[in-house]
């Protein structure tokens, strides 16, 4: 599982993922590096909730000064 696009789902949404392809290149002379495929085991969806940090409210109040 991986996190889906937050802006597509409007929330944190786990989506199935077969894995990712990686191509390790150490320097320019590695003209044809091997493409590797990385996978991981599925995981249970953890409990998650968004919270606003204290600085959010400070910035929110300051930004009100610039509201048109």
PDB file of N, CA and C in Angstrom:
ATOM      1  N   UNK A   1       0.835  -1.169   0.000  1.00  0.00           N
ATOM      2  CA  UNK A   1       0.000   0.000   0.000  1.00  0.00           C
ATOM      3  C   UNK A   1       0.889   1.245   0.000  1.00  0.00           C
ATOM      4  N   UNK A   2       0.351   2.293  -0.558  1.00  0.00           N
ATOM      5  CA  UNK A   2       1.023   3.591  -0.565  1.00  0.00           C
ATOM      6  C   UNK A   2      -0.046   4.658  -0.366  1.00  0.00           C
ATOM      7  N   UNK A   3       0.379   5.860  -0.041  1.00  0.00           N
ATOM      8  CA  UNK A   3      -0.589   6.947   0.087  1.00  0.00           C
ATOM      9  C   UNK A   3      -0.968   7.435  -1.286  1.00  0.00           C
ATOM     10  N   UNK A   4      -2.282   7.569  -1.527  1.00  0.00           N
ATOM     11  CA  UNK A   4      -2.751   8.159  -2.770  1.00  0.00           C
ATOM     12  C   UNK A   4      -2.546   9.667  -2.731  1.00  0.00           C
ATOM     13  N   UNK A   5      -2.813  10.308  -3.846  1.00  0.00           N
ATOM     14  CA  UNK A   5      -2.653  11.752  -3.947  1.00  0.00           C
ATOM     15  C   UNK A   5      -3.663  12.446  -3.038  1.00  0.00           C
ATOM     16  N   UNK A   6      -3.166  13.204  -2.083  1.00  0.00           N
ATOM     17  CA  UNK A   6      -4.016  13.892  -1.108  1.00  0.00           C
ATOM     18  C   UNK A   6      -5.019  14.813  -1.793  1.00  0.00           C
ATOM     19  N   UNK A   7      -4.620  15.463  -2.879  1.00  0.00           N
ATOM     20  CA  UNK A   7      -5.496  16.421  -3.554  1.00  0.00           C
ATOM     21  C   UNK A   7      -6.536  15.724  -4.427  1.00  0.00           C
ATOM     22  N   UNK A   8      -6.279  14.508  -4.825  1.00  0.00           N
ATOM     23  CA  UNK A   8      -7.262  13.745  -5.595  1.00  0.00           C
ATOM     24  C   UNK A   8      -8.355  13.211  -4.690  1.00  0.00           C
ATOM     25  N   UNK A   9      -7.968  12.678  -3.544  1.00  0.00           N
ATOM     26  CA  UNK A   9      -8.919  12.027  -2.640  1.00  0.00           C
ATOM     27  C   UNK A   9      -9.431  12.952  -1.530  1.00  0.00           C
ATOM     28  N   UNK A  10      -8.819  14.123  -1.381  1.00  0.00           N
ATOM     29  CA  UNK A  10      -9.160  15.069  -0.307  1.00  0.00           C
ATOM     30  C   UNK A  10      -9.006  14.463   1.082  1.00  0.00           C
ATOM     31  N   UNK A  11      -8.210  13.443   1.185  1.00  0.00           N
ATOM     32  CA  UNK A  11      -7.886  12.819   2.464  1.00  0.00           C
ATOM     33  C   UNK A  11      -6.714  11.874   2.228  1.00  0.00           C
ATOM     34  N   UNK A  12      -6.153  11.364   3.295  1.00  0.00           N
ATOM     35  CA  UNK A  12      -5.096  10.367   3.144  1.00  0.00           C
ATOM     36  C   UNK A  12      -5.766   9.040   2.853  1.00  0.00           C
ATOM     37  N   UNK A  13      -5.505   8.519   1.680  1.00  0.00           N
ATOM     38  CA  UNK A  13      -6.173   7.317   1.200  1.00  0.00           C
ATOM     39  C   UNK A  13      -5.123   6.287   0.788  1.00  0.00           C
ATOM     40  N   UNK A  14      -5.079   5.129   1.442  1.00  0.00           N
ATOM     41  CA  UNK A  14      -4.131   4.104   0.997  1.00  0.00           C
ATOM     42  C   UNK A  14      -4.595   3.495  -0.322  1.00  0.00           C
ATOM     43  N   UNK A  15      -3.663   3.265  -1.213  1.00  0.00           N
ATOM     44  CA  UNK A  15      -3.975   2.636  -2.496  1.00  0.00           C
ATOM     45  C   UNK A  15      -2.997   1.487  -2.716  1.00  0.00           C
ATOM     46  N   UNK A  16      -3.433   0.447  -3.424  1.00  0.00           N
ATOM     47  CA  UNK A  16      -2.517  -0.667  -3.708  1.00  0.00           C
ATOM     48  C   UNK A  16      -1.378  -0.214  -4.619  1.00  0.00           C
ATOM     49  N   UNK A  17      -0.198  -0.733  -4.371  1.00  0.00           N
ATOM     50  CA  UNK A  17       0.952  -0.416  -5.206  1.00  0.00           C
ATOM     51  C   UNK A  17       1.768  -1.686  -5.411  1.00  0.00           C
ATOM     52  N   UNK A  18       2.073  -2.027  -6.657  1.00  0.00           N
ATOM     53  CA  UNK A  18       2.878  -3.223  -6.895  1.00  0.00           C
ATOM     54  C   UNK A  18       4.338  -3.032  -6.501  1.00  0.00           C
ATOM     55  N   UNK A  19       4.776  -1.776  -6.352  1.00  0.00           N
ATOM     56  CA  UNK A  19       6.163  -1.473  -6.020  1.00  0.00           C
ATOM     57  C   UNK A  19       6.633  -0.281  -6.833  1.00  0.00           C
ATOM     58  N   UNK A  20       7.932  -0.026  -6.792  1.00  0.00           N
ATOM     59  CA  UNK A  20       8.500   1.080  -7.562  1.00  0.00           C
ATOM     60  C   UNK A  20       9.741   0.600  -8.301  1.00  0.00           C
ATOM     61  N   UNK A  21      10.024   1.236  -9.415  1.00  0.00           N
ATOM     62  CA  UNK A  21      11.250   0.960 -10.168  1.00  0.00           C
ATOM     63  C   UNK A  21      12.294   1.981  -9.760  1.00  0.00           C
ATOM     64  N   UNK A  22      13.509   1.513  -9.551  1.00  0.00           N
ATOM     65  CA  UNK A  22      14.607   2.418  -9.219  1.00  0.00           C
ATOM     66  C   UNK A  22      15.782   2.136 -10.147  1.00  0.00           C
ATOM     67  N   UNK A  23      16.549   3.167 -10.431  1.00  0.00           N
ATOM     68  CA  UNK A  23      17.705   3.031 -11.307  1.00  0.00           C
ATOM     69  C   UNK A  23      18.890   3.702 -10.621  1.00  0.00           C
ATOM     70  N   UNK A  24      19.683   2.924  -9.877  1.00  0.00           N
ATOM     71  CA  UNK A  24      20.818   3.531  -9.178  1.00  0.00           C
ATOM     72  C   UNK A  24      21.926   3.931 -10.151  1.00  0.00           C
ATOM     73  N   UNK A  25      22.307   5.194 -10.101  1.00  0.00           N
ATOM     74  CA  UNK A  25      23.387   5.709 -10.937  1.00  0.00           C
ATOM     75  C   UNK A  25      24.374   6.406 -10.012  1.00  0.00           C
ATOM     76  N   UNK A  26      25.592   5.916  -9.979  1.00  0.00           N
ATOM     77  CA  UNK A  26      26.596   6.487  -9.090  1.00  0.00           C
ATOM     78  C   UNK A  26      27.389   7.609  -9.743  1.00  0.00           C
ATOM     79  N   UNK A  27      27.574   7.530 -11.051  1.00  0.00           N
ATOM     80  CA  UNK A  27      28.298   8.586 -11.746  1.00  0.00           C
ATOM     81  C   UNK A  27      27.915   8.570 -13.221  1.00  0.00           C
ATOM     82  N   UNK A  28      28.410   9.538 -13.962  1.00  0.00           N
ATOM     83  CA  UNK A  28      28.042   9.698 -15.373  1.00  0.00           C
ATOM     84  C   UNK A  28      28.496   8.526 -16.240  1.00  0.00           C
ATOM     85  N   UNK A  29      29.496   7.785 -15.814  1.00  0.00           N
ATOM     86  CA  UNK A  29      29.997   6.687 -16.643  1.00  0.00           C
ATOM     87  C   UNK A  29      29.056   5.484 -16.634  1.00  0.00           C
ATOM     88  N   UNK A  30      28.079   5.482 -15.723  1.00  0.00           N
ATOM     89  CA  UNK A  30      27.090   4.399 -15.696  1.00  0.00           C
ATOM     90  C   UNK A  30      26.041   4.647 -16.775  1.00  0.00           C
ATOM     91  N   UNK A  31      26.412   4.394 -18.018  1.00  0.00           N
ATOM     92  CA  UNK A  31      25.531   4.713 -19.141  1.00  0.00           C
ATOM     93  C   UNK A  31      24.287   3.835 -19.168  1.00  0.00           C
ATOM     94  N   UNK A  32      24.402   2.573 -18.822  1.00  0.00           N
ATOM     95  CA  UNK A  32      23.275   1.647 -18.861  1.00  0.00           C
ATOM     96  C   UNK A  32      23.106   0.964 -17.504  1.00  0.00           C
ATOM     97  N   UNK A  33      22.640   1.680 -16.493  1.00  0.00           N
ATOM     98  CA  UNK A  33      22.461   1.035 -15.186  1.00  0.00           C
ATOM     99  C   UNK A  33      21.305   0.046 -15.222  1.00  0.00           C
ATOM    100  N   UNK A  34      21.349  -0.911 -14.339  1.00  0.00           N
ATOM    101  CA  UNK A  34      20.273  -1.896 -14.260  1.00  0.00           C
ATOM    102  C   UNK A  34      19.057  -1.283 -13.585  1.00  0.00           C
ATOM    103  N   UNK A  35      17.891  -1.556 -14.141  1.00  0.00           N
ATOM    104  CA  UNK A  35      16.641  -1.112 -13.547  1.00  0.00           C
ATOM    105  C   UNK A  35      16.232  -2.140 -12.504  1.00  0.00           C
ATOM    106  N   UNK A  36      16.024  -1.696 -11.274  1.00  0.00           N
ATOM    107  CA  UNK A  36      15.653  -2.586 -10.180  1.00  0.00           C
ATOM    108  C   UNK A  36      14.209  -2.324  -9.785  1.00  0.00           C
ATOM    109  N   UNK A  37      13.538  -3.359  -9.305  1.00  0.00           N
ATOM    110  CA  UNK A  37      12.153  -3.216  -8.867  1.00  0.00           C
ATOM    111  C   UNK A  37      12.098  -3.492  -7.377  1.00  0.00           C
ATOM    112  N   UNK A  38      11.543  -2.564  -6.625  1.00  0.00           N
ATOM    113  CA  UNK A  38      11.471  -2.673  -5.170  1.00  0.00           C
ATOM    114  C   UNK A  38      10.022  -2.882  -4.755  1.00  0.00           C
ATOM    115  N   UNK A  39       9.780  -3.887  -3.923  1.00  0.00           N
ATOM    116  CA  UNK A  39       8.430  -4.153  -3.423  1.00  0.00           C
ATOM    117  C   UNK A  39       8.455  -4.192  -1.902  1.00  0.00           C
ATOM    118  N   UNK A  40       7.302  -4.134  -1.308  1.00  0.00           N
ATOM    119  CA  UNK A  40       7.177  -4.205   0.141  1.00  0.00           C
ATOM    120  C   UNK A  40       5.916  -4.960   0.490  1.00  0.00           C
ATOM    121  N   UNK A  41       5.869  -5.443   1.710  1.00  0.00           N
ATOM    122  CA  UNK A  41       4.687  -6.165   2.172  1.00  0.00           C
ATOM    123  C   UNK A  41       3.548  -5.181   2.412  1.00  0.00           C
ATOM    124  N   UNK A  42       2.324  -5.671   2.264  1.00  0.00           N
ATOM    125  CA  UNK A  42       1.172  -4.832   2.585  1.00  0.00           C
ATOM    126  C   UNK A  42       1.169  -4.512   4.067  1.00  0.00           C
ATOM    127  N   UNK A  43       0.517  -3.450   4.452  1.00  0.00           N
ATOM    128  CA  UNK A  43       0.454  -3.059   5.849  1.00  0.00           C
ATOM    129  C   UNK A  43      -0.971  -2.698   6.204  1.00  0.00           C
ATOM    130  N   UNK A  44      -1.253  -2.801   7.484  1.00  0.00           N
ATOM    131  CA  UNK A  44      -2.565  -2.384   7.962  1.00  0.00           C
ATOM    132  C   UNK A  44      -2.622  -0.862   7.956  1.00  0.00           C
ATOM    133  N   UNK A  45      -3.796  -0.342   7.678  1.00  0.00           N
ATOM    134  CA  UNK A  45      -3.935   1.106   7.667  1.00  0.00           C
ATOM    135  C   UNK A  45      -3.862   1.636   9.095  1.00  0.00           C
ATOM    136  N   UNK A  46      -2.883   2.491   9.381  1.00  0.00           N
ATOM    137  CA  UNK A  46      -2.775   3.024  10.740  1.00  0.00           C
ATOM    138  C   UNK A  46      -3.849   4.078  11.002  1.00  0.00           C
ATOM    139  N   UNK A  47      -4.177   4.275  12.260  1.00  0.00           N
ATOM    140  CA  UNK A  47      -5.075   5.371  12.615  1.00  0.00           C
ATOM    141  C   UNK A  47      -4.324   6.667  12.370  1.00  0.00           C
ATOM    142  N   UNK A  48      -4.973   7.599  11.722  1.00  0.00           N
ATOM    143  CA  UNK A  48      -4.321   8.849  11.382  1.00  0.00           C
ATOM    144  C   UNK A  48      -5.338   9.968  11.451  1.00  0.00           C
ATOM    145  N   UNK A  49      -4.926  11.062  11.988  1.00  0.00           N
ATOM    146  CA  UNK A  49      -5.762  12.249  11.950  1.00  0.00           C
ATOM    147  C   UNK A  49      -4.858  13.459  11.788  1.00  0.00           C
ATOM    148  N   UNK A  50      -5.377  14.453  11.096  1.00  0.00           N
ATOM    149  CA  UNK A  50      -4.617  15.664  10.884  1.00  0.00           C
ATOM    150  C   UNK A  50      -4.791  16.576  12.080  1.00  0.00           C
ATOM    151  N   UNK A  51      -3.735  17.260  12.443  1.00  0.00           N
ATOM    152  CA  UNK A  51      -3.845  18.225  13.530  1.00  0.00           C
ATOM    153  C   UNK A  51      -3.126  19.496  13.109  1.00  0.00           C
ATOM    154  N   UNK A  52      -3.625  20.583  13.575  1.00  0.00           N
ATOM    155  CA  UNK A  52      -3.002  21.861  13.261  1.00  0.00           C
ATOM    156  C   UNK A  52      -2.016  22.204  14.368  1.00  0.00           C
ATOM    157  N   UNK A  53      -0.819  22.594  13.963  1.00  0.00           N
ATOM    158  CA  UNK A  53       0.195  22.989  14.935  1.00  0.00           C
ATOM    159  C   UNK A  53      -0.142  24.365  15.499  1.00  0.00           C
ATOM    160  N   UNK A  54       0.458  24.700  16.614  1.00  0.00           N
ATOM    161  CA  UNK A  54       0.207  25.997  17.248  1.00  0.00           C
ATOM    162  C   UNK A  54       0.507  27.150  16.294  1.00  0.00           C
ATOM    163  N   UNK A  55       1.541  26.985  15.483  1.00  0.00           N
ATOM    164  CA  UNK A  55       1.925  28.067  14.568  1.00  0.00           C
ATOM    165  C   UNK A  55       0.858  28.325  13.504  1.00  0.00           C
ATOM    166  N   UNK A  56       0.010  27.355  13.220  1.00  0.00           N
ATOM    167  CA  UNK A  56      -1.057  27.545  12.235  1.00  0.00           C
ATOM    168  C   UNK A  56      -1.937  28.728  12.634  1.00  0.00           C
ATOM    169  N   UNK A  57      -2.341  28.774  13.890  1.00  0.00           N
ATOM    170  CA  UNK A  57      -3.244  29.817  14.360  1.00  0.00           C
ATOM    171  C   UNK A  57      -2.538  31.172  14.419  1.00  0.00           C
ATOM    172  N   UNK A  58      -1.255  31.166  14.710  1.00  0.00           N
ATOM    173  CA  UNK A  58      -0.484  32.409  14.695  1.00  0.00           C
ATOM    174  C   UNK A  58      -0.462  32.976  13.285  1.00  0.00           C
ATOM    175  N   UNK A  59      -0.137  32.130  12.309  1.00  0.00           N
ATOM    176  CA  UNK A  59      -0.111  32.575  10.914  1.00  0.00           C
ATOM    177  C   UNK A  59      -1.498  32.975  10.433  1.00  0.00           C
ATOM    178  N   UNK A  60      -2.498  32.229  10.831  1.00  0.00           N
ATOM    179  CA  UNK A  60      -3.867  32.536  10.424  1.00  0.00           C
ATOM    180  C   UNK A  60      -4.255  33.944  10.880  1.00  0.00           C
ATOM    181  N   UNK A  61      -3.958  34.266  12.118  1.00  0.00           N
ATOM    182  CA  UNK A  61      -4.283  35.599  12.631  1.00  0.00           C
ATOM    183  C   UNK A  61      -3.494  36.692  11.923  1.00  0.00           C
ATOM    184  N   UNK A  62      -2.233  36.438  11.631  1.00  0.00           N
ATOM    185  CA  UNK A  62      -1.419  37.431  10.934  1.00  0.00           C
ATOM    186  C   UNK A  62      -1.902  37.641   9.502  1.00  0.00           C
ATOM    187  N   UNK A  63      -2.306  36.573   8.838  1.00  0.00           N
ATOM    188  CA  UNK A  63      -2.752  36.676   7.448  1.00  0.00           C
ATOM    189  C   UNK A  63      -4.076  37.424   7.329  1.00  0.00           C
ATOM    190  N   UNK A  64      -4.860  37.450   8.375  1.00  0.00           N
ATOM    191  CA  UNK A  64      -6.124  38.199   8.351  1.00  0.00           C
ATOM    192  C   UNK A  64      -5.876  39.684   8.103  1.00  0.00           C
ATOM    193  N   UNK A  65      -4.722  40.159   8.477  1.00  0.00           N
ATOM    194  CA  UNK A  65      -4.374  41.567   8.264  1.00  0.00           C
ATOM    195  C   UNK A  65      -4.274  41.903   6.778  1.00  0.00           C
ATOM    196  N   UNK A  66      -3.974  40.898   5.950  1.00  0.00           N
ATOM    197  CA  UNK A  66      -3.744  41.128   4.531  1.00  0.00           C
ATOM    198  C   UNK A  66      -4.929  40.717   3.667  1.00  0.00           C
ATOM    199  N   UNK A  67      -6.014  40.345   4.293  1.00  0.00           N
ATOM    200  CA  UNK A  67      -7.196  39.910   3.552  1.00  0.00           C
ATOM    201  C   UNK A  67      -7.765  41.094   2.787  1.00  0.00           C
ATOM    202  N   UNK A  68      -8.070  40.879   1.513  1.00  0.00           N
ATOM    203  CA  UNK A  68      -8.607  41.967   0.683  1.00  0.00           C
ATOM    204  C   UNK A  68     -10.092  42.098   0.855  1.00  0.00           C
TER     205      UNK A  68
END
